[in-house]
Amino acid sequence: MKRSRFRDEQIIGILKEHQTGLGAKGLCRKHGVSDAAY
């Protein structure tokens, strides 16, 4: 099984940031995640 790059807490934090109104492209750029992975 492949180990995740991000911990569960980090993923939840990123999703909460998106709920506050930040765009997906900006979040991906900020956290180093590809658009496809998001």
C-alpha atoms as a PDB file:
ATOM      1  CA  MET A   1       0.000   0.000   0.000  1.00  0.00           C
ATOM      2  CA  LYS A   2       1.365   3.390  -1.015  1.00  0.00           C
ATOM      3  CA  ARG A   3       2.048   5.822   1.819  1.00  0.00           C
ATOM      4  CA  SER A   4       0.171   9.113   1.556  1.00  0.00           C
ATOM      5  CA  ARG A   5       2.183  12.285   1.121  1.00  0.00           C
ATOM      6  CA  PHE A   6      -0.161  14.227   3.386  1.00  0.00           C
ATOM      7  CA  ARG A   7      -1.517  13.347   6.832  1.00  0.00           C
ATOM      8  CA  ASP A   8      -5.268  13.259   7.367  1.00  0.00           C
ATOM      9  CA  GLU A   9      -5.104  16.471   9.385  1.00  0.00           C
ATOM     10  CA  GLN A  10      -3.388  18.280   6.526  1.00  0.00           C
ATOM     11  CA  ILE A  11      -5.985  17.101   4.010  1.00  0.00           C
ATOM     12  CA  ILE A  12      -8.836  18.234   6.265  1.00  0.00           C
ATOM     13  CA  GLY A  13      -7.153  21.619   6.711  1.00  0.00           C
ATOM     14  CA  ILE A  14      -6.814  22.093   2.955  1.00  0.00           C
ATOM     15  CA  LEU A  15     -10.475  21.208   2.400  1.00  0.00           C
ATOM     16  CA  LYS A  16     -11.542  23.637   5.146  1.00  0.00           C
ATOM     17  CA  GLU A  17      -9.513  26.387   3.459  1.00  0.00           C
ATOM     18  CA  HIS A  18     -11.421  25.673   0.254  1.00  0.00           C
ATOM     19  CA  GLN A  19     -14.728  26.018   2.108  1.00  0.00           C
ATOM     20  CA  THR A  20     -13.730  29.506   3.277  1.00  0.00           C
ATOM     21  CA  GLY A  21     -13.697  30.637  -0.335  1.00  0.00           C
ATOM     22  CA  LEU A  22     -10.163  30.128  -1.583  1.00  0.00           C
ATOM     23  CA  GLY A  23      -9.986  28.847  -5.145  1.00  0.00           C
ATOM     24  CA  ALA A  24      -8.828  25.339  -5.943  1.00  0.00           C
ATOM     25  CA  LYS A  25      -5.966  26.510  -8.164  1.00  0.00           C
ATOM     26  CA  GLY A  26      -4.592  28.802  -5.457  1.00  0.00           C
ATOM     27  CA  LEU A  27      -4.813  26.061  -2.834  1.00  0.00           C
ATOM     28  CA  CYS A  28      -3.055  23.574  -5.070  1.00  0.00           C
ATOM     29  CA  ARG A  29      -0.263  26.045  -5.740  1.00  0.00           C
ATOM     30  CA  LYS A  30       0.054  26.935  -2.033  1.00  0.00           C
ATOM     31  CA  HIS A  31       0.278  23.333  -0.826  1.00  0.00           C
ATOM     32  CA  GLY A  32       2.135  21.810  -3.786  1.00  0.00           C
ATOM     33  CA  VAL A  33      -0.674  19.551  -4.989  1.00  0.00           C
ATOM     34  CA  SER A  34      -1.529  18.981  -8.649  1.00  0.00           C
ATOM     35  CA  ASP A  35      -4.939  20.051  -9.894  1.00  0.00           C
ATOM     36  CA  ALA A  36      -5.717  16.453 -10.864  1.00  0.00           C
ATOM     37  CA  ALA A  37      -4.964  15.172  -7.375  1.00  0.00           C
ATOM     38  CA  TYR A  38      -7.254  17.751  -5.808  1.00  0.00           C
END
